[in-house]
Structures are given as C-alpha cells and as structure tokens.
Amino acid sequence: MISTYVRREIKERFGKVFSIEISVGSDCRILKLVISGDFFAYPPEVLDSLEREVSGRHVSELVEVVSSAIGRVTLVGVSRESVIELFRSAVEEVAAKCR
C-alpha cells in the first residue's frame, strides 16, 4: 500500500528536464521509482537498473544508491549535482511523512 507519493522535477537554465516519481510504503520502503525527462544519459541502462535496484530499499538509502549510479553515467542537459539534490529533497519530504 502506498503511503507517500512524491514527484519532483528540475529544469536547469538552458538545460533539459529531469523528473522523478517515488512511491513509498508505510514502512518507508520504496515501492517504485520512475525517472523521466528530456535529458540524455549514456549508457541509459544505468538509470533503468537504478529504478529496479531501489525497489524495496528503505528511503534513507536512496541518495547513496543514486549517487553511486550517477557516477556510472554521463548526463547531458542536467548536472549530477542537481540530480542528487533533487533526490535529497524528495527523500527529506518522504522521510518526514513515513516516520
């Protein structure tokens, strides 16, 4: 059962859109992560893998897992720092709601 749903997006100046949707259960475990936008990622499979990898993990682990995955991909149109901050912001919101 979903207890919290968060959607966030960034659009950097002269950049692309990077969006995330996170569904979290009442036990603070991630049910689903969806990453979308008009940015480019090479290789794109890293982000697909990240979406699967975080499923079932406690929300407190998300930023660490994302940071590791982002280090293995080249992003075009959005900065790594902005992406990590976007996830950090979403985690703060989710953590406050599922305690």
PDB file of N, CA and C in Angstrom:
ATOM      1  N   MET A   1       0.834  -1.186   0.000  1.00  0.00           N
ATOM      2  CA  MET A   1       0.000   0.000   0.000  1.00  0.00           C
ATOM      3  C   MET A   1       0.881   1.252   0.000  1.00  0.00           C
ATOM      4  N   ILE A   2       0.592   2.185  -0.876  1.00  0.00           N
ATOM      5  CA  ILE A   2       1.352   3.431  -0.964  1.00  0.00           C
ATOM      6  C   ILE A   2       0.927   4.349   0.165  1.00  0.00           C
ATOM      7  N   SER A   3       1.912   4.834   0.917  1.00  0.00           N
ATOM      8  CA  SER A   3       1.590   5.824   1.936  1.00  0.00           C
ATOM      9  C   SER A   3       2.027   7.215   1.502  1.00  0.00           C
ATOM     10  N   THR A   4       3.026   7.279   0.631  1.00  0.00           N
ATOM     11  CA  THR A   4       3.535   8.577   0.179  1.00  0.00           C
ATOM     12  C   THR A   4       3.921   8.495  -1.292  1.00  0.00           C
ATOM     13  N   TYR A   5       3.585   9.554  -2.000  1.00  0.00           N
ATOM     14  CA  TYR A   5       3.959   9.682  -3.400  1.00  0.00           C
ATOM     15  C   TYR A   5       4.560  11.075  -3.569  1.00  0.00           C
ATOM     16  N   VAL A   6       5.740  11.141  -4.169  1.00  0.00           N
ATOM     17  CA  VAL A   6       6.416  12.416  -4.391  1.00  0.00           C
ATOM     18  C   VAL A   6       6.816  12.503  -5.854  1.00  0.00           C
ATOM     19  N   ARG A   7       6.562  13.651  -6.445  1.00  0.00           N
ATOM     20  CA  ARG A   7       7.013  13.922  -7.812  1.00  0.00           C
ATOM     21  C   ARG A   7       7.806  15.212  -7.783  1.00  0.00           C
ATOM     22  N   ARG A   8       8.987  15.167  -8.324  1.00  0.00           N
ATOM     23  CA  ARG A   8       9.860  16.343  -8.390  1.00  0.00           C
ATOM     24  C   ARG A   8      10.458  16.443  -9.775  1.00  0.00           C
ATOM     25  N   GLU A   9      10.795  17.683 -10.141  1.00  0.00           N
ATOM     26  CA  GLU A   9      11.466  17.865 -11.419  1.00  0.00           C
ATOM     27  C   GLU A   9      12.339  19.107 -11.357  1.00  0.00           C
ATOM     28  N   ILE A  10      13.387  19.054 -12.158  1.00  0.00           N
ATOM     29  CA  ILE A  10      14.259  20.219 -12.300  1.00  0.00           C
ATOM     30  C   ILE A  10      14.409  20.519 -13.779  1.00  0.00           C
ATOM     31  N   LYS A  11      14.617  21.774 -14.058  1.00  0.00           N
ATOM     32  CA  LYS A  11      14.979  22.197 -15.407  1.00  0.00           C
ATOM     33  C   LYS A  11      16.039  23.266 -15.221  1.00  0.00           C
ATOM     34  N   GLU A  12      17.225  22.889 -15.576  1.00  0.00           N
ATOM     35  CA  GLU A  12      18.316  23.835 -15.437  1.00  0.00           C
ATOM     36  C   GLU A  12      18.272  24.854 -16.556  1.00  0.00           C
ATOM     37  N   ARG A  13      18.784  26.020 -16.285  1.00  0.00           N
ATOM     38  CA  ARG A  13      18.826  27.073 -17.292  1.00  0.00           C
ATOM     39  C   ARG A  13      19.555  26.562 -18.532  1.00  0.00           C
ATOM     40  N   PHE A  14      18.927  26.699 -19.663  1.00  0.00           N
ATOM     41  CA  PHE A  14      19.457  26.214 -20.940  1.00  0.00           C
ATOM     42  C   PHE A  14      19.665  24.702 -20.941  1.00  0.00           C
ATOM     43  N   GLY A  15      19.034  24.033 -20.008  1.00  0.00           N
ATOM     44  CA  GLY A  15      19.214  22.591 -19.906  1.00  0.00           C
ATOM     45  C   GLY A  15      17.948  21.826 -20.229  1.00  0.00           C
ATOM     46  N   LYS A  16      17.932  20.617 -19.762  1.00  0.00           N
ATOM     47  CA  LYS A  16      16.827  19.700 -20.011  1.00  0.00           C
ATOM     48  C   LYS A  16      16.052  19.457 -18.723  1.00  0.00           C
ATOM     49  N   VAL A  17      14.923  18.776 -18.835  1.00  0.00           N
ATOM     50  CA  VAL A  17      14.089  18.427 -17.688  1.00  0.00           C
ATOM     51  C   VAL A  17      14.486  17.047 -17.176  1.00  0.00           C
ATOM     52  N   PHE A  18      14.573  16.919 -15.860  1.00  0.00           N
ATOM     53  CA  PHE A  18      14.842  15.648 -15.197  1.00  0.00           C
ATOM     54  C   PHE A  18      13.770  15.503 -14.126  1.00  0.00           C
ATOM     55  N   SER A  19      12.957  14.438 -14.215  1.00  0.00           N
ATOM     56  CA  SER A  19      11.837  14.232 -13.296  1.00  0.00           C
ATOM     57  C   SER A  19      11.960  12.898 -12.578  1.00  0.00           C
ATOM     58  N   ILE A  20      11.467  12.887 -11.335  1.00  0.00           N
ATOM     59  CA  ILE A  20      11.395  11.629 -10.593  1.00  0.00           C
ATOM     60  C   ILE A  20      10.013  11.498  -9.959  1.00  0.00           C
ATOM     61  N   GLU A  21       9.562  10.278  -9.864  1.00  0.00           N
ATOM     62  CA  GLU A  21       8.349   9.932  -9.138  1.00  0.00           C
ATOM     63  C   GLU A  21       8.719   8.799  -8.207  1.00  0.00           C
ATOM     64  N   ILE A  22       8.409   8.974  -6.922  1.00  0.00           N
ATOM     65  CA  ILE A  22       8.750   7.964  -5.924  1.00  0.00           C
ATOM     66  C   ILE A  22       7.490   7.596  -5.162  1.00  0.00           C
ATOM     67  N   SER A  23       7.212   6.305  -5.107  1.00  0.00           N
ATOM     68  CA  SER A  23       6.118   5.780  -4.294  1.00  0.00           C
ATOM     69  C   SER A  23       6.744   5.008  -3.141  1.00  0.00           C
ATOM     70  N   VAL A  24       6.302   5.316  -1.931  1.00  0.00           N
ATOM     71  CA  VAL A  24       6.886   4.723  -0.727  1.00  0.00           C
ATOM     72  C   VAL A  24       5.776   4.135   0.125  1.00  0.00           C
ATOM     73  N   GLY A  25       6.025   2.952   0.668  1.00  0.00           N
ATOM     74  CA  GLY A  25       5.057   2.296   1.534  1.00  0.00           C
ATOM     75  C   GLY A  25       5.081   2.854   2.944  1.00  0.00           C
ATOM     76  N   SER A  26       4.140   2.426   3.759  1.00  0.00           N
ATOM     77  CA  SER A  26       4.044   2.915   5.136  1.00  0.00           C
ATOM     78  C   SER A  26       5.251   2.508   5.982  1.00  0.00           C
ATOM     79  N   ASP A  27       6.016   1.522   5.514  1.00  0.00           N
ATOM     80  CA  ASP A  27       7.214   1.084   6.222  1.00  0.00           C
ATOM     81  C   ASP A  27       8.467   1.829   5.764  1.00  0.00           C
ATOM     82  N   CYS A  28       8.270   2.897   4.992  1.00  0.00           N
ATOM     83  CA  CYS A  28       9.356   3.727   4.454  1.00  0.00           C
ATOM     84  C   CYS A  28      10.211   3.003   3.419  1.00  0.00           C
ATOM     85  N   ARG A  29       9.691   1.955   2.821  1.00  0.00           N
ATOM     86  CA  ARG A  29      10.403   1.250   1.767  1.00  0.00           C
ATOM     87  C   ARG A  29       9.877   1.700   0.408  1.00  0.00           C
ATOM     88  N   ILE A  30      10.806   1.844  -0.523  1.00  0.00           N
ATOM     89  CA  ILE A  30      10.456   2.331  -1.853  1.00  0.00           C
ATOM     90  C   ILE A  30       9.706   1.240  -2.614  1.00  0.00           C
ATOM     91  N   LEU A  31       8.542   1.604  -3.098  1.00  0.00           N
ATOM     92  CA  LEU A  31       7.742   0.688  -3.911  1.00  0.00           C
ATOM     93  C   LEU A  31       8.088   0.843  -5.389  1.00  0.00           C
ATOM     94  N   LYS A  32       8.298   2.101  -5.800  1.00  0.00           N
ATOM     95  CA  LYS A  32       8.577   2.335  -7.210  1.00  0.00           C
ATOM     96  C   LYS A  32       9.283   3.683  -7.386  1.00  0.00           C
ATOM     97  N   LEU A  33      10.247   3.683  -8.281  1.00  0.00           N
ATOM     98  CA  LEU A  33      10.933   4.901  -8.704  1.00  0.00           C
ATOM     99  C   LEU A  33      10.831   4.978 -10.219  1.00  0.00           C
ATOM    100  N   VAL A  34      10.412   6.143 -10.715  1.00  0.00           N
ATOM    101  CA  VAL A  34      10.355   6.383 -12.153  1.00  0.00           C
ATOM    102  C   VAL A  34      11.176   7.640 -12.450  1.00  0.00           C
ATOM    103  N   ILE A  35      12.121   7.507 -13.357  1.00  0.00           N
ATOM    104  CA  ILE A  35      12.954   8.626 -13.798  1.00  0.00           C
ATOM    105  C   ILE A  35      12.572   8.935 -15.233  1.00  0.00           C
ATOM    106  N   SER A  36      12.322  10.213 -15.512  1.00  0.00           N
ATOM    107  CA  SER A  36      11.943  10.595 -16.876  1.00  0.00           C
ATOM    108  C   SER A  36      12.435  12.011 -17.173  1.00  0.00           C
ATOM    109  N   GLY A  37      12.235  12.447 -18.394  1.00  0.00           N
ATOM    110  CA  GLY A  37      12.620  13.788 -18.798  1.00  0.00           C
ATOM    111  C   GLY A  37      13.160  13.799 -20.211  1.00  0.00           C
ATOM    112  N   ASP A  38      13.654  14.954 -20.619  1.00  0.00           N
ATOM    113  CA  ASP A  38      14.186  15.071 -21.974  1.00  0.00           C
ATOM    114  C   ASP A  38      15.715  15.207 -21.983  1.00  0.00           C
ATOM    115  N   PHE A  39      16.349  14.788 -20.921  1.00  0.00           N
ATOM    116  CA  PHE A  39      17.805  14.770 -20.803  1.00  0.00           C
ATOM    117  C   PHE A  39      18.341  13.524 -21.524  1.00  0.00           C
ATOM    118  N   PHE A  40      19.655  13.433 -21.610  1.00  0.00           N
ATOM    119  CA  PHE A  40      20.297  12.254 -22.189  1.00  0.00           C
ATOM    120  C   PHE A  40      21.189  11.616 -21.138  1.00  0.00           C
ATOM    121  N   ALA A  41      21.243  10.299 -21.145  1.00  0.00           N
ATOM    122  CA  ALA A  41      22.096   9.541 -20.225  1.00  0.00           C
ATOM    123  C   ALA A  41      22.795   8.438 -21.015  1.00  0.00           C
ATOM    124  N   TYR A  42      24.099   8.321 -20.812  1.00  0.00           N
ATOM    125  CA  TYR A  42      24.899   7.301 -21.501  1.00  0.00           C
ATOM    126  C   TYR A  42      25.694   6.500 -20.494  1.00  0.00           C
ATOM    127  N   PRO A  43      25.557   5.233 -20.398  1.00  0.00           N
ATOM    128  CA  PRO A  43      24.555   4.396 -21.061  1.00  0.00           C
ATOM    129  C   PRO A  43      23.208   4.508 -20.345  1.00  0.00           C
ATOM    130  N   PRO A  44      22.111   4.530 -21.077  1.00  0.00           N
ATOM    131  CA  PRO A  44      20.786   4.702 -20.472  1.00  0.00           C
ATOM    132  C   PRO A  44      20.380   3.554 -19.561  1.00  0.00           C
ATOM    133  N   GLU A  45      20.984   2.394 -19.759  1.00  0.00           N
ATOM    134  CA  GLU A  45      20.636   1.221 -18.947  1.00  0.00           C
ATOM    135  C   GLU A  45      20.930   1.434 -17.462  1.00  0.00           C
ATOM    136  N   VAL A  46      21.851   2.330 -17.157  1.00  0.00           N
ATOM    137  CA  VAL A  46      22.194   2.591 -15.748  1.00  0.00           C
ATOM    138  C   VAL A  46      20.978   3.126 -14.999  1.00  0.00           C
ATOM    139  N   LEU A  47      20.238   4.027 -15.618  1.00  0.00           N
ATOM    140  CA  LEU A  47      19.059   4.583 -14.950  1.00  0.00           C
ATOM    141  C   LEU A  47      17.939   3.553 -14.861  1.00  0.00           C
ATOM    142  N   ASP A  48      17.795   2.713 -15.884  1.00  0.00           N
ATOM    143  CA  ASP A  48      16.808   1.627 -15.823  1.00  0.00           C
ATOM    144  C   ASP A  48      17.135   0.687 -14.672  1.00  0.00           C
ATOM    145  N   SER A  49      18.387   0.375 -14.534  1.00  0.00           N
ATOM    146  CA  SER A  49      18.851  -0.504 -13.458  1.00  0.00           C
ATOM    147  C   SER A  49      18.621   0.146 -12.091  1.00  0.00           C
ATOM    148  N   LEU A  50      18.874   1.442 -12.003  1.00  0.00           N
ATOM    149  CA  LEU A  50      18.668   2.168 -10.747  1.00  0.00           C
ATOM    150  C   LEU A  50      17.209   2.088 -10.308  1.00  0.00           C
ATOM    151  N   GLU A  51      16.289   2.256 -11.244  1.00  0.00           N
ATOM    152  CA  GLU A  51      14.865   2.177 -10.902  1.00  0.00           C
ATOM    153  C   GLU A  51      14.526   0.825 -10.270  1.00  0.00           C
ATOM    154  N   ARG A  52      15.101  -0.237 -10.807  1.00  0.00           N
ATOM    155  CA  ARG A  52      14.852  -1.577 -10.258  1.00  0.00           C
ATOM    156  C   ARG A  52      15.593  -1.795  -8.945  1.00  0.00           C
ATOM    157  N   GLU A  53      16.812  -1.299  -8.866  1.00  0.00           N
ATOM    158  CA  GLU A  53      17.675  -1.545  -7.707  1.00  0.00           C
ATOM    159  C   GLU A  53      17.125  -0.952  -6.414  1.00  0.00           C
ATOM    160  N   VAL A  54      16.450   0.175  -6.478  1.00  0.00           N
ATOM    161  CA  VAL A  54      15.985   0.820  -5.252  1.00  0.00           C
ATOM    162  C   VAL A  54      14.676   0.238  -4.725  1.00  0.00           C
ATOM    163  N   SER A  55      13.979  -0.515  -5.543  1.00  0.00           N
ATOM    164  CA  SER A  55      12.717  -1.107  -5.114  1.00  0.00           C
ATOM    165  C   SER A  55      12.935  -1.995  -3.887  1.00  0.00           C
ATOM    166  N   GLY A  56      12.174  -1.724  -2.832  1.00  0.00           N
ATOM    167  CA  GLY A  56      12.267  -2.499  -1.601  1.00  0.00           C
ATOM    168  C   GLY A  56      13.257  -1.943  -0.589  1.00  0.00           C
ATOM    169  N   ARG A  57      14.077  -1.002  -0.995  1.00  0.00           N
ATOM    170  CA  ARG A  57      15.050  -0.408  -0.071  1.00  0.00           C
ATOM    171  C   ARG A  57      14.391   0.658   0.784  1.00  0.00           C
ATOM    172  N   HIS A  58      14.964   0.877   1.948  1.00  0.00           N
ATOM    173  CA  HIS A  58      14.497   1.946   2.822  1.00  0.00           C
ATOM    174  C   HIS A  58      14.819   3.279   2.165  1.00  0.00           C
ATOM    175  N   VAL A  59      13.914   4.227   2.283  1.00  0.00           N
ATOM    176  CA  VAL A  59      14.080   5.526   1.621  1.00  0.00           C
ATOM    177  C   VAL A  59      15.381   6.223   2.051  1.00  0.00           C
ATOM    178  N   SER A  60      15.870   5.936   3.241  1.00  0.00           N
ATOM    179  CA  SER A  60      17.101   6.569   3.719  1.00  0.00           C
ATOM    180  C   SER A  60      18.328   6.151   2.904  1.00  0.00           C
ATOM    181  N   GLU A  61      18.233   5.071   2.152  1.00  0.00           N
ATOM    182  CA  GLU A  61      19.343   4.592   1.326  1.00  0.00           C
ATOM    183  C   GLU A  61      19.360   5.217  -0.071  1.00  0.00           C
ATOM    184  N   LEU A  62      18.303   5.911  -0.440  1.00  0.00           N
ATOM    185  CA  LEU A  62      18.126   6.348  -1.826  1.00  0.00           C
ATOM    186  C   LEU A  62      19.235   7.269  -2.323  1.00  0.00           C
ATOM    187  N   VAL A  63      19.588   8.282  -1.569  1.00  0.00           N
ATOM    188  CA  VAL A  63      20.585   9.242  -2.052  1.00  0.00           C
ATOM    189  C   VAL A  63      21.939   8.560  -2.271  1.00  0.00           C
ATOM    190  N   GLU A  64      22.308   7.655  -1.384  1.00  0.00           N
ATOM    191  CA  GLU A  64      23.582   6.940  -1.537  1.00  0.00           C
ATOM    192  C   GLU A  64      23.578   6.073  -2.796  1.00  0.00           C
ATOM    193  N   VAL A  65      22.493   5.346  -3.019  1.00  0.00           N
ATOM    194  CA  VAL A  65      22.392   4.483  -4.198  1.00  0.00           C
ATOM    195  C   VAL A  65      22.377   5.318  -5.474  1.00  0.00           C
ATOM    196  N   VAL A  66      21.651   6.431  -5.460  1.00  0.00           N
ATOM    197  CA  VAL A  66      21.593   7.313  -6.629  1.00  0.00           C
ATOM    198  C   VAL A  66      22.970   7.907  -6.915  1.00  0.00           C
ATOM    199  N   SER A  67      23.654   8.362  -5.885  1.00  0.00           N
ATOM    200  CA  SER A  67      24.992   8.941  -6.073  1.00  0.00           C
ATOM    201  C   SER A  67      25.936   7.953  -6.742  1.00  0.00           C
ATOM    202  N   SER A  68      25.865   6.706  -6.325  1.00  0.00           N
ATOM    203  CA  SER A  68      26.704   5.669  -6.915  1.00  0.00           C
ATOM    204  C   SER A  68      26.348   5.453  -8.383  1.00  0.00           C
ATOM    205  N   ALA A  69      25.068   5.367  -8.680  1.00  0.00           N
ATOM    206  CA  ALA A  69      24.631   5.137 -10.058  1.00  0.00           C
ATOM    207  C   ALA A  69      24.965   6.324 -10.954  1.00  0.00           C
ATOM    208  N   ILE A  70      24.771   7.524 -10.467  1.00  0.00           N
ATOM    209  CA  ILE A  70      25.039   8.724 -11.261  1.00  0.00           C
ATOM    210  C   ILE A  70      26.526   8.815 -11.604  1.00  0.00           C
ATOM    211  N   GLY A  71      27.358   8.250 -10.759  1.00  0.00           N
ATOM    212  CA  GLY A  71      28.787   8.221 -11.042  1.00  0.00           C
ATOM    213  C   GLY A  71      29.156   7.308 -12.197  1.00  0.00           C
ATOM    214  N   ARG A  72      28.234   6.428 -12.592  1.00  0.00           N
ATOM    215  CA  ARG A  72      28.492   5.476 -13.680  1.00  0.00           C
ATOM    216  C   ARG A  72      27.835   5.880 -14.999  1.00  0.00           C
ATOM    217  N   VAL A  73      27.266   7.080 -15.045  1.00  0.00           N
ATOM    218  CA  VAL A  73      26.549   7.517 -16.238  1.00  0.00           C
ATOM    219  C   VAL A  73      26.975   8.940 -16.610  1.00  0.00           C
ATOM    220  N   THR A  74      26.973   9.219 -17.888  1.00  0.00           N
ATOM    221  CA  THR A  74      27.216  10.575 -18.366  1.00  0.00           C
ATOM    222  C   THR A  74      25.859  11.214 -18.626  1.00  0.00           C
ATOM    223  N   LEU A  75      25.596  12.330 -17.957  1.00  0.00           N
ATOM    224  CA  LEU A  75      24.343  13.047 -18.145  1.00  0.00           C
ATOM    225  C   LEU A  75      24.573  14.257 -19.038  1.00  0.00           C
ATOM    226  N   VAL A  76      23.653  14.475 -19.962  1.00  0.00           N
ATOM    227  CA  VAL A  76      23.719  15.628 -20.848  1.00  0.00           C
ATOM    228  C   VAL A  76      22.428  16.418 -20.670  1.00  0.00           C
ATOM    229  N   GLY A  77      22.568  17.698 -20.341  1.00  0.00           N
ATOM    230  CA  GLY A  77      21.402  18.559 -20.172  1.00  0.00           C
ATOM    231  C   GLY A  77      21.017  18.801 -18.740  1.00  0.00           C
ATOM    232  N   VAL A  78      21.648  18.105 -17.817  1.00  0.00           N
ATOM    233  CA  VAL A  78      21.388  18.267 -16.388  1.00  0.00           C
ATOM    234  C   VAL A  78      22.658  17.864 -15.639  1.00  0.00           C
ATOM    235  N   SER A  79      22.936  18.538 -14.545  1.00  0.00           N
ATOM    236  CA  SER A  79      24.161  18.242 -13.806  1.00  0.00           C
ATOM    237  C   SER A  79      23.939  17.149 -12.764  1.00  0.00           C
ATOM    238  N   ARG A  80      24.979  16.430 -12.473  1.00  0.00           N
ATOM    239  CA  ARG A  80      24.917  15.400 -11.423  1.00  0.00           C
ATOM    240  C   ARG A  80      24.513  16.013 -10.086  1.00  0.00           C
ATOM    241  N   GLU A  81      25.085  17.172  -9.792  1.00  0.00           N
ATOM    242  CA  GLU A  81      24.800  17.833  -8.517  1.00  0.00           C
ATOM    243  C   GLU A  81      23.315  18.164  -8.378  1.00  0.00           C
ATOM    244  N   SER A  82      22.704  18.648  -9.457  1.00  0.00           N
ATOM    245  CA  SER A  82      21.271  18.969  -9.430  1.00  0.00           C
ATOM    246  C   SER A  82      20.422  17.721  -9.246  1.00  0.00           C
ATOM    247  N   VAL A  83      20.816  16.641  -9.898  1.00  0.00           N
ATOM    248  CA  VAL A  83      20.074  15.383  -9.775  1.00  0.00           C
ATOM    249  C   VAL A  83      20.147  14.865  -8.341  1.00  0.00           C
ATOM    250  N   ILE A  84      21.316  14.871  -7.767  1.00  0.00           N
ATOM    251  CA  ILE A  84      21.467  14.379  -6.396  1.00  0.00           C
ATOM    252  C   ILE A  84      20.689  15.261  -5.425  1.00  0.00           C
ATOM    253  N   GLU A  85      20.728  16.566  -5.620  1.00  0.00           N
ATOM    254  CA  GLU A  85      19.969  17.478  -4.757  1.00  0.00           C
ATOM    255  C   GLU A  85      18.471  17.246  -4.908  1.00  0.00           C
ATOM    256  N   LEU A  86      18.019  16.955  -6.116  1.00  0.00           N
ATOM    257  CA  LEU A  86      16.607  16.651  -6.345  1.00  0.00           C
ATOM    258  C   LEU A  86      16.188  15.424  -5.532  1.00  0.00           C
ATOM    259  N   PHE A  87      16.996  14.376  -5.582  1.00  0.00           N
ATOM    260  CA  PHE A  87      16.697  13.174  -4.798  1.00  0.00           C
ATOM    261  C   PHE A  87      16.760  13.469  -3.300  1.00  0.00           C
ATOM    262  N   ARG A  88      17.749  14.234  -2.872  1.00  0.00           N
ATOM    263  CA  ARG A  88      17.886  14.571  -1.449  1.00  0.00           C
ATOM    264  C   ARG A  88      16.630  15.292  -0.955  1.00  0.00           C
ATOM    265  N   SER A  89      16.139  16.227  -1.726  1.00  0.00           N
ATOM    266  CA  SER A  89      14.934  16.973  -1.379  1.00  0.00           C
ATOM    267  C   SER A  89      13.713  16.051  -1.289  1.00  0.00           C
ATOM    268  N   ALA A  90      13.585  15.145  -2.248  1.00  0.00           N
ATOM    269  CA  ALA A  90      12.465  14.200  -2.235  1.00  0.00           C
ATOM    270  C   ALA A  90      12.537  13.276  -1.022  1.00  0.00           C
ATOM    271  N   VAL A  91      13.729  12.820  -0.690  1.00  0.00           N
ATOM    272  CA  VAL A  91      13.907  11.930   0.471  1.00  0.00           C
ATOM    273  C   VAL A  91      13.526  12.643   1.754  1.00  0.00           C
ATOM    274  N   GLU A  92      13.901  13.894   1.896  1.00  0.00           N
ATOM    275  CA  GLU A  92      13.530  14.651   3.095  1.00  0.00           C
ATOM    276  C   GLU A  92      12.011  14.728   3.247  1.00  0.00           C
ATOM    277  N   GLU A  93      11.323  14.986   2.152  1.00  0.00           N
ATOM    278  CA  GLU A  93       9.869  15.057   2.200  1.00  0.00           C
ATOM    279  C   GLU A  93       9.247  13.712   2.560  1.00  0.00           C
ATOM    280  N   VAL A  94       9.723  12.663   1.910  1.00  0.00           N
ATOM    281  CA  VAL A  94       9.176  11.332   2.152  1.00  0.00           C
ATOM    282  C   VAL A  94       9.457  10.873   3.580  1.00  0.00           C
ATOM    283  N   ALA A  95      10.669  11.071   4.041  1.00  0.00           N
ATOM    284  CA  ALA A  95      11.056  10.625   5.386  1.00  0.00           C
ATOM    285  C   ALA A  95      10.199  11.295   6.449  1.00  0.00           C
ATOM    286  N   ALA A  96       9.851  12.543   6.257  1.00  0.00           N
ATOM    287  CA  ALA A  96       9.017  13.257   7.233  1.00  0.00           C
ATOM    288  C   ALA A  96       7.597  12.694   7.279  1.00  0.00           C
ATOM    289  N   LYS A  97       7.144  12.135   6.166  1.00  0.00           N
ATOM    290  CA  LYS A  97       5.765  11.628   6.095  1.00  0.00           C
ATOM    291  C   LYS A  97       5.628  10.163   6.523  1.00  0.00           C
ATOM    292  N   CYS A  98       6.690   9.395   6.441  1.00  0.00           N
ATOM    293  CA  CYS A  98       6.530   7.956   6.690  1.00  0.00           C
ATOM    294  C   CYS A  98       7.113   7.503   8.038  1.00  0.00           C
ATOM    295  N   ARG A  99       7.457   8.415   8.876  1.00  0.00           N
ATOM    296  CA  ARG A  99       8.024   8.042  10.181  1.00  0.00           C
ATOM    297  C   ARG A  99       6.996   7.482  11.102  1.00  0.00           C
TER     298      ARG A  99
END
